[in-house]
Amino acid sequence: FIMPRKKIVNINQINGNNLTEKNHDFHIQHLEKGIRLLDSMSRRHSKVLQERVDLRYPKTIKSDGSNADFSCTLQNYTKDLTRKKVDVQYFARREQSNQSDNPHLHVAILVDGNKRRCRQTLLEQMEKHWANTLKISIEEVHAKKLVYPCNHDQDGNPRPNGYMLERNAIDFNDTREAMIRQLSYLTKHDPEDTTPSSTRKFFISQFQKDEDRAAEIRRFYADKKRNGGK
């Protein structure tokens, strides 16, 4: 009889990579899935841009308690970039404070860094789709930071809200570790989270499906090259 592995563990590192600076319990299976997502993108693209944002409700809007608004925004955001031939993936975590009537969503966006290099552009696109979902103006979303750029820590100190991972760069391992540390924040266990146990908390795009498709395309062109272009 094999005991099932714990789903929530207290760790400071994973596979030699440091996690968030403070002591946390983590949802280990989701953390591992986030790392697989990052590595999948890195195999497909020589550059990967990762950015962190939070989706927040204004005080004037009361959420219906479901994830419909979050799901709609993520779907429309990814469709928008996909139509522009940009490979985009996301990893997200819903949370709700006992001091708030509304949930919020922590999001990590990962895109082909050869196609998108500006984190501000990604932020503005998310503002547009969150505004469309809530049926309010982009100006309100921007002014109230309803798409929060996550560029300060809890003490108000500046911090990067994203990283560019370059496959052949000498700082590849350090940057990858920083990106894993950023992802790990989304998988921390918060005992004060008031999200109902029956409500989905984690969202992740179907990166394996996209990686399989990319591998199939690479095999096709490799076979074509071996056959003299026929």
C-alpha atoms as a PDB file:
ATOM      1  CA  PHE A   1       0.000   0.000   0.000  1.00  0.00           C
ATOM      2  CA  ILE A   2       1.456   3.359  -1.088  1.00  0.00           C
ATOM      3  CA  MET A   3       0.439   6.417   0.860  1.00  0.00           C
ATOM      4  CA  PRO A   4      -0.788   9.227  -1.403  1.00  0.00           C
ATOM      5  CA  ARG A   5       1.544  12.176  -1.655  1.00  0.00           C
ATOM      6  CA  LYS A   6       0.512  15.233   0.322  1.00  0.00           C
ATOM      7  CA  LYS A   7      -1.151  17.888  -1.835  1.00  0.00           C
ATOM      8  CA  ILE A   8      -0.112  20.744   0.471  1.00  0.00           C
ATOM      9  CA  VAL A   9       3.497  20.851   1.636  1.00  0.00           C
ATOM     10  CA  ASN A  10       5.759  23.311   3.434  1.00  0.00           C
ATOM     11  CA  ILE A  11       8.910  23.755   1.350  1.00  0.00           C
ATOM     12  CA  ASN A  12      11.407  26.508   0.592  1.00  0.00           C
ATOM     13  CA  GLN A  13      12.771  24.956  -2.602  1.00  0.00           C
ATOM     14  CA  ILE A  14      11.673  22.697  -5.425  1.00  0.00           C
ATOM     15  CA  ASN A  15      14.306  20.856  -7.475  1.00  0.00           C
ATOM     16  CA  GLY A  16      16.924  23.310  -6.217  1.00  0.00           C
ATOM     17  CA  ASN A  17      14.878  26.398  -7.076  1.00  0.00           C
ATOM     18  CA  ASN A  18      14.064  28.865  -4.300  1.00  0.00           C
ATOM     19  CA  LEU A  19      10.394  29.701  -3.828  1.00  0.00           C
ATOM     20  CA  THR A  20       8.753  32.799  -2.329  1.00  0.00           C
ATOM     21  CA  GLU A  21      10.838  34.603   0.275  1.00  0.00           C
ATOM     22  CA  LYS A  22       8.418  33.981   3.154  1.00  0.00           C
ATOM     23  CA  ASN A  23       7.565  30.650   4.708  1.00  0.00           C
ATOM     24  CA  HIS A  24       4.515  29.162   2.946  1.00  0.00           C
ATOM     25  CA  ASP A  25       2.629  25.940   2.405  1.00  0.00           C
ATOM     26  CA  PHE A  26       2.193  25.167  -1.289  1.00  0.00           C
ATOM     27  CA  HIS A  27      -0.235  23.175  -3.418  1.00  0.00           C
ATOM     28  CA  ILE A  28       2.580  21.032  -4.764  1.00  0.00           C
ATOM     29  CA  GLN A  29       0.737  19.445  -7.703  1.00  0.00           C
ATOM     30  CA  HIS A  30      -0.289  22.826  -9.073  1.00  0.00           C
ATOM     31  CA  LEU A  31       3.209  24.212  -8.534  1.00  0.00           C
ATOM     32  CA  GLU A  32       4.691  21.325 -10.508  1.00  0.00           C
ATOM     33  CA  LYS A  33       2.147  21.892 -13.264  1.00  0.00           C
ATOM     34  CA  GLY A  34       3.104  25.583 -13.426  1.00  0.00           C
ATOM     35  CA  ILE A  35       6.769  24.628 -13.814  1.00  0.00           C
ATOM     36  CA  ARG A  36       5.875  22.187 -16.605  1.00  0.00           C
ATOM     37  CA  LEU A  37       3.998  25.011 -18.320  1.00  0.00           C
ATOM     38  CA  LEU A  38       7.053  27.276 -18.123  1.00  0.00           C
ATOM     39  CA  ASP A  39       9.389  24.568 -19.431  1.00  0.00           C
ATOM     40  CA  SER A  40       6.947  23.687 -22.202  1.00  0.00           C
ATOM     41  CA  MET A  41       6.989  27.304 -23.400  1.00  0.00           C
ATOM     42  CA  SER A  42      10.790  27.417 -23.160  1.00  0.00           C
ATOM     43  CA  ARG A  43      11.091  24.337 -25.379  1.00  0.00           C
ATOM     44  CA  ARG A  44       8.828  25.914 -27.998  1.00  0.00           C
ATOM     45  CA  HIS A  45      10.338  29.392 -28.010  1.00  0.00           C
ATOM     46  CA  SER A  46      13.871  30.746 -27.637  1.00  0.00           C
ATOM     47  CA  LYS A  47      12.407  33.608 -25.582  1.00  0.00           C
ATOM     48  CA  VAL A  48       9.515  33.460 -23.102  1.00  0.00           C
ATOM     49  CA  LEU A  49       7.985  36.535 -21.501  1.00  0.00           C
ATOM     50  CA  GLN A  50       6.193  36.022 -18.186  1.00  0.00           C
ATOM     51  CA  GLU A  51       4.096  38.693 -16.493  1.00  0.00           C
ATOM     52  CA  ARG A  52       2.052  38.814 -13.282  1.00  0.00           C
ATOM     53  CA  VAL A  53      -1.236  40.681 -12.913  1.00  0.00           C
ATOM     54  CA  ASP A  54      -4.237  40.532 -10.581  1.00  0.00           C
ATOM     55  CA  LEU A  55      -7.838  40.911 -11.712  1.00  0.00           C
ATOM     56  CA  ARG A  56      -9.934  42.848  -9.203  1.00  0.00           C
ATOM     57  CA  TYR A  57     -13.538  43.976  -9.047  1.00  0.00           C
ATOM     58  CA  PRO A  58     -14.472  47.596  -8.391  1.00  0.00           C
ATOM     59  CA  LYS A  59     -16.424  48.196  -5.196  1.00  0.00           C
ATOM     60  CA  THR A  60     -19.439  49.186  -7.298  1.00  0.00           C
ATOM     61  CA  ILE A  61     -19.809  45.668  -8.752  1.00  0.00           C
ATOM     62  CA  LYS A  62     -20.798  42.569  -6.818  1.00  0.00           C
ATOM     63  CA  SER A  63     -19.552  39.271  -8.207  1.00  0.00           C
ATOM     64  CA  ASP A  64     -22.105  36.495  -8.601  1.00  0.00           C
ATOM     65  CA  GLY A  65     -19.649  34.204  -6.802  1.00  0.00           C
ATOM     66  CA  SER A  66     -18.833  32.098  -9.851  1.00  0.00           C
ATOM     67  CA  ASN A  67     -15.704  32.122 -11.989  1.00  0.00           C
ATOM     68  CA  ALA A  68     -17.612  33.204 -15.099  1.00  0.00           C
ATOM     69  CA  ASP A  69     -16.050  36.678 -15.309  1.00  0.00           C
ATOM     70  CA  PHE A  70     -12.526  35.349 -14.828  1.00  0.00           C
ATOM     71  CA  SER A  71     -12.983  32.537 -17.362  1.00  0.00           C
ATOM     72  CA  CYS A  72     -14.517  34.864 -19.941  1.00  0.00           C
ATOM     73  CA  THR A  73     -11.653  37.326 -19.632  1.00  0.00           C
ATOM     74  CA  LEU A  74      -8.918  34.689 -19.878  1.00  0.00           C
ATOM     75  CA  GLN A  75     -10.566  33.042 -22.880  1.00  0.00           C
ATOM     76  CA  ASN A  76     -11.048  36.295 -24.774  1.00  0.00           C
ATOM     77  CA  TYR A  77      -7.540  37.454 -23.914  1.00  0.00           C
ATOM     78  CA  THR A  78      -5.923  34.274 -25.227  1.00  0.00           C
ATOM     79  CA  LYS A  79      -8.133  34.264 -28.342  1.00  0.00           C
ATOM     80  CA  ASP A  80      -7.106  37.848 -29.049  1.00  0.00           C
ATOM     81  CA  LEU A  81      -3.386  37.057 -28.927  1.00  0.00           C
ATOM     82  CA  THR A  82      -3.799  33.743 -30.750  1.00  0.00           C
ATOM     83  CA  ARG A  83      -5.506  35.526 -33.654  1.00  0.00           C
ATOM     84  CA  LYS A  84      -2.379  37.696 -33.813  1.00  0.00           C
ATOM     85  CA  LYS A  85      -0.248  34.533 -34.105  1.00  0.00           C
ATOM     86  CA  VAL A  86       1.130  34.880 -30.573  1.00  0.00           C
ATOM     87  CA  ASP A  87       1.518  31.714 -28.503  1.00  0.00           C
ATOM     88  CA  VAL A  88       0.027  32.598 -25.112  1.00  0.00           C
ATOM     89  CA  GLN A  89      -0.528  30.503 -21.994  1.00  0.00           C
ATOM     90  CA  TYR A  90      -1.747  31.346 -18.507  1.00  0.00           C
ATOM     91  CA  PHE A  91      -1.665  30.048 -14.961  1.00  0.00           C
ATOM     92  CA  ALA A  92      -4.113  31.562 -12.460  1.00  0.00           C
ATOM     93  CA  ARG A  93      -5.387  31.257  -8.904  1.00  0.00           C
ATOM     94  CA  ARG A  94      -8.653  32.562  -7.461  1.00  0.00           C
ATOM     95  CA  GLU A  95      -8.673  33.895  -3.907  1.00  0.00           C
ATOM     96  CA  GLN A  96     -11.059  35.789  -1.687  1.00  0.00           C
ATOM     97  CA  SER A  97     -10.331  37.678   1.490  1.00  0.00           C
ATOM     98  CA  ASN A  98     -12.721  37.563   4.425  1.00  0.00           C
ATOM     99  CA  GLN A  99     -12.587  41.367   4.274  1.00  0.00           C
ATOM    100  CA  SER A 100     -13.954  41.507   0.733  1.00  0.00           C
ATOM    101  CA  ASP A 101     -17.303  40.651  -0.846  1.00  0.00           C
ATOM    102  CA  ASN A 102     -15.575  39.805  -4.122  1.00  0.00           C
ATOM    103  CA  PRO A 103     -12.925  37.319  -5.189  1.00  0.00           C
ATOM    104  CA  HIS A 104      -9.797  38.322  -7.097  1.00  0.00           C
ATOM    105  CA  LEU A 105      -7.621  36.404  -9.532  1.00  0.00           C
ATOM    106  CA  HIS A 106      -3.825  36.089  -9.506  1.00  0.00           C
ATOM    107  CA  VAL A 107      -2.637  35.521 -13.083  1.00  0.00           C
ATOM    108  CA  ALA A 108       0.698  34.633 -14.671  1.00  0.00           C
ATOM    109  CA  ILE A 109       0.763  35.256 -18.418  1.00  0.00           C
ATOM    110  CA  LEU A 110       3.395  33.518 -20.554  1.00  0.00           C
ATOM    111  CA  VAL A 111       3.904  34.436 -24.209  1.00  0.00           C
ATOM    112  CA  ASP A 112       6.336  33.872 -27.048  1.00  0.00           C
ATOM    113  CA  GLY A 113       8.978  36.476 -26.235  1.00  0.00           C
ATOM    114  CA  ASN A 114       9.941  36.777 -29.885  1.00  0.00           C
ATOM    115  CA  LYS A 115       6.455  38.104 -30.669  1.00  0.00           C
ATOM    116  CA  ARG A 116       5.821  40.182 -27.529  1.00  0.00           C
ATOM    117  CA  ARG A 117       8.551  41.915 -25.561  1.00  0.00           C
ATOM    118  CA  CYS A 118       6.649  44.660 -23.740  1.00  0.00           C
ATOM    119  CA  ARG A 119       4.899  43.772 -20.484  1.00  0.00           C
ATOM    120  CA  GLN A 120       2.967  47.051 -20.563  1.00  0.00           C
ATOM    121  CA  THR A 121       1.297  46.008 -23.827  1.00  0.00           C
ATOM    122  CA  LEU A 122       0.170  42.737 -22.275  1.00  0.00           C
ATOM    123  CA  LEU A 123      -1.179  44.631 -19.275  1.00  0.00           C
ATOM    124  CA  GLU A 124      -3.153  47.030 -21.465  1.00  0.00           C
ATOM    125  CA  GLN A 125      -4.670  44.158 -23.424  1.00  0.00           C
ATOM    126  CA  MET A 126      -5.797  42.525 -20.193  1.00  0.00           C
ATOM    127  CA  GLU A 127      -7.310  45.850 -19.088  1.00  0.00           C
ATOM    128  CA  LYS A 128      -9.345  45.940 -22.290  1.00  0.00           C
ATOM    129  CA  HIS A 129     -10.760  42.447 -21.839  1.00  0.00           C
ATOM    130  CA  TRP A 130     -11.468  42.855 -18.115  1.00  0.00           C
ATOM    131  CA  ALA A 131     -13.302  46.115 -18.902  1.00  0.00           C
ATOM    132  CA  ASN A 132     -15.341  44.362 -21.611  1.00  0.00           C
ATOM    133  CA  THR A 133     -16.278  41.563 -19.209  1.00  0.00           C
ATOM    134  CA  LEU A 134     -17.371  43.953 -16.462  1.00  0.00           C
ATOM    135  CA  LYS A 135     -19.023  46.309 -19.001  1.00  0.00           C
ATOM    136  CA  ILE A 136     -17.144  49.340 -17.702  1.00  0.00           C
ATOM    137  CA  SER A 137     -14.666  51.684 -19.362  1.00  0.00           C
ATOM    138  CA  ILE A 138     -11.013  50.892 -19.850  1.00  0.00           C
ATOM    139  CA  GLU A 139     -10.297  54.254 -18.231  1.00  0.00           C
ATOM    140  CA  GLU A 140     -11.997  53.096 -15.017  1.00  0.00           C
ATOM    141  CA  VAL A 141     -10.113  49.807 -15.037  1.00  0.00           C
ATOM    142  CA  HIS A 142      -6.831  51.662 -15.496  1.00  0.00           C
ATOM    143  CA  ALA A 143      -7.512  54.430 -12.970  1.00  0.00           C
ATOM    144  CA  LYS A 144      -8.579  51.998 -10.225  1.00  0.00           C
ATOM    145  CA  LYS A 145      -5.840  49.473 -11.119  1.00  0.00           C
ATOM    146  CA  LEU A 146      -8.437  46.722 -11.481  1.00  0.00           C
ATOM    147  CA  VAL A 147      -5.763  44.922 -13.474  1.00  0.00           C
ATOM    148  CA  TYR A 148      -3.034  45.345 -10.905  1.00  0.00           C
ATOM    149  CA  PRO A 149       0.527  45.004 -12.305  1.00  0.00           C
ATOM    150  CA  CYS A 150       1.959  43.326  -9.162  1.00  0.00           C
ATOM    151  CA  ASN A 151       5.045  45.546  -9.248  1.00  0.00           C
ATOM    152  CA  HIS A 152       5.246  46.166  -5.489  1.00  0.00           C
ATOM    153  CA  ASP A 153       5.476  43.763  -2.577  1.00  0.00           C
ATOM    154  CA  GLN A 154       3.209  43.835   0.477  1.00  0.00           C
ATOM    155  CA  ASP A 155       5.500  46.388   2.142  1.00  0.00           C
ATOM    156  CA  GLY A 156       5.299  48.726  -0.861  1.00  0.00           C
ATOM    157  CA  ASN A 157       8.798  47.997  -2.140  1.00  0.00           C
ATOM    158  CA  PRO A 158       9.230  47.897  -5.950  1.00  0.00           C
ATOM    159  CA  ARG A 159       9.682  44.475  -7.534  1.00  0.00           C
ATOM    160  CA  PRO A 160       9.659  43.164 -11.115  1.00  0.00           C
ATOM    161  CA  ASN A 161       6.263  41.995 -12.328  1.00  0.00           C
ATOM    162  CA  GLY A 162       7.744  39.798 -15.028  1.00  0.00           C
ATOM    163  CA  TYR A 163      10.817  38.287 -16.666  1.00  0.00           C
ATOM    164  CA  MET A 164      12.168  37.443 -20.103  1.00  0.00           C
ATOM    165  CA  LEU A 165      13.675  33.954 -20.299  1.00  0.00           C
ATOM    166  CA  GLU A 166      16.195  33.529 -23.125  1.00  0.00           C
ATOM    167  CA  ARG A 167      17.207  29.977 -23.893  1.00  0.00           C
ATOM    168  CA  ASN A 168      20.872  30.702 -24.706  1.00  0.00           C
ATOM    169  CA  ALA A 169      21.459  33.471 -22.154  1.00  0.00           C
ATOM    170  CA  ILE A 170      24.077  32.985 -19.448  1.00  0.00           C
ATOM    171  CA  ASP A 171      21.502  33.915 -16.811  1.00  0.00           C
ATOM    172  CA  PHE A 172      18.968  31.335 -18.049  1.00  0.00           C
ATOM    173  CA  ASN A 173      18.934  29.317 -14.813  1.00  0.00           C
ATOM    174  CA  ASP A 174      18.712  32.401 -12.579  1.00  0.00           C
ATOM    175  CA  THR A 175      15.864  33.846 -14.634  1.00  0.00           C
ATOM    176  CA  ARG A 176      14.025  30.520 -14.708  1.00  0.00           C
ATOM    177  CA  GLU A 177      14.323  30.306 -10.914  1.00  0.00           C
ATOM    178  CA  ALA A 178      12.900  33.839 -10.571  1.00  0.00           C
ATOM    179  CA  MET A 179       9.982  32.865 -12.816  1.00  0.00           C
ATOM    180  CA  ILE A 180       9.331  29.708 -10.776  1.00  0.00           C
ATOM    181  CA  ARG A 181       9.427  31.808  -7.606  1.00  0.00           C
ATOM    182  CA  GLN A 182       6.856  34.134  -9.153  1.00  0.00           C
ATOM    183  CA  LEU A 183       4.652  31.183 -10.120  1.00  0.00           C
ATOM    184  CA  SER A 184       4.979  29.690  -6.660  1.00  0.00           C
ATOM    185  CA  TYR A 185       3.147  32.640  -5.131  1.00  0.00           C
ATOM    186  CA  LEU A 186       0.049  31.556  -7.064  1.00  0.00           C
ATOM    187  CA  THR A 187       0.201  28.097  -5.493  1.00  0.00           C
ATOM    188  CA  LYS A 188       0.648  29.075  -1.856  1.00  0.00           C
ATOM    189  CA  HIS A 189      -1.939  27.727   0.542  1.00  0.00           C
ATOM    190  CA  ASP A 190      -3.864  30.508   2.265  1.00  0.00           C
ATOM    191  CA  PRO A 191      -5.972  29.199   5.173  1.00  0.00           C
ATOM    192  CA  GLU A 192      -7.821  32.536   5.260  1.00  0.00           C
ATOM    193  CA  ASP A 193      -9.049  32.175   1.686  1.00  0.00           C
ATOM    194  CA  THR A 194     -12.854  32.150   1.875  1.00  0.00           C
ATOM    195  CA  THR A 195     -13.424  30.637  -1.574  1.00  0.00           C
ATOM    196  CA  PRO A 196     -15.971  27.813  -1.160  1.00  0.00           C
ATOM    197  CA  SER A 197     -14.441  24.347  -1.392  1.00  0.00           C
ATOM    198  CA  SER A 198     -16.852  23.523  -4.218  1.00  0.00           C
ATOM    199  CA  THR A 199     -15.556  26.422  -6.341  1.00  0.00           C
ATOM    200  CA  ARG A 200     -12.620  25.979  -8.697  1.00  0.00           C
ATOM    201  CA  LYS A 201      -9.496  27.816  -7.534  1.00  0.00           C
ATOM    202  CA  PHE A 202      -6.852  27.033 -10.169  1.00  0.00           C
ATOM    203  CA  PHE A 203      -6.888  27.718 -13.904  1.00  0.00           C
ATOM    204  CA  ILE A 204      -4.246  26.630 -16.414  1.00  0.00           C
ATOM    205  CA  SER A 205      -4.234  26.688 -20.193  1.00  0.00           C
ATOM    206  CA  GLN A 206      -3.858  23.477 -22.187  1.00  0.00           C
ATOM    207  CA  PHE A 207      -0.147  23.867 -22.812  1.00  0.00           C
ATOM    208  CA  GLN A 208       0.461  20.149 -23.428  1.00  0.00           C
ATOM    209  CA  LYS A 209      -1.937  20.182 -26.368  1.00  0.00           C
ATOM    210  CA  ASP A 210      -0.097  23.163 -27.879  1.00  0.00           C
ATOM    211  CA  GLU A 211       3.301  21.572 -27.269  1.00  0.00           C
ATOM    212  CA  ASP A 212       2.211  18.341 -28.978  1.00  0.00           C
ATOM    213  CA  ARG A 213       0.979  20.362 -31.964  1.00  0.00           C
ATOM    214  CA  ALA A 214       4.290  22.271 -32.149  1.00  0.00           C
ATOM    215  CA  ALA A 215       6.255  18.994 -31.990  1.00  0.00           C
ATOM    216  CA  GLU A 216       4.147  17.558 -34.797  1.00  0.00           C
ATOM    217  CA  ILE A 217       4.885  20.594 -36.972  1.00  0.00           C
ATOM    218  CA  ARG A 218       8.617  20.292 -36.260  1.00  0.00           C
ATOM    219  CA  ARG A 219       8.562  16.604 -37.244  1.00  0.00           C
ATOM    220  CA  PHE A 220       6.701  17.440 -40.444  1.00  0.00           C
ATOM    221  CA  TYR A 221       9.312  19.955 -41.583  1.00  0.00           C
ATOM    222  CA  ALA A 222      12.200  17.729 -40.454  1.00  0.00           C
ATOM    223  CA  ASP A 223      10.814  14.854 -42.553  1.00  0.00           C
ATOM    224  CA  LYS A 224      10.276  17.225 -45.462  1.00  0.00           C
ATOM    225  CA  LYS A 225      13.892  18.391 -45.248  1.00  0.00           C
ATOM    226  CA  ARG A 226      15.184  14.810 -45.129  1.00  0.00           C
ATOM    227  CA  ASN A 227      13.155  14.018 -48.242  1.00  0.00           C
ATOM    228  CA  GLY A 228      14.641  16.888 -50.171  1.00  0.00           C
ATOM    229  CA  GLY A 229      11.774  19.292 -49.614  1.00  0.00           C
ATOM    230  CA  LYS A 230       9.114  16.990 -51.056  1.00  0.00           C
END
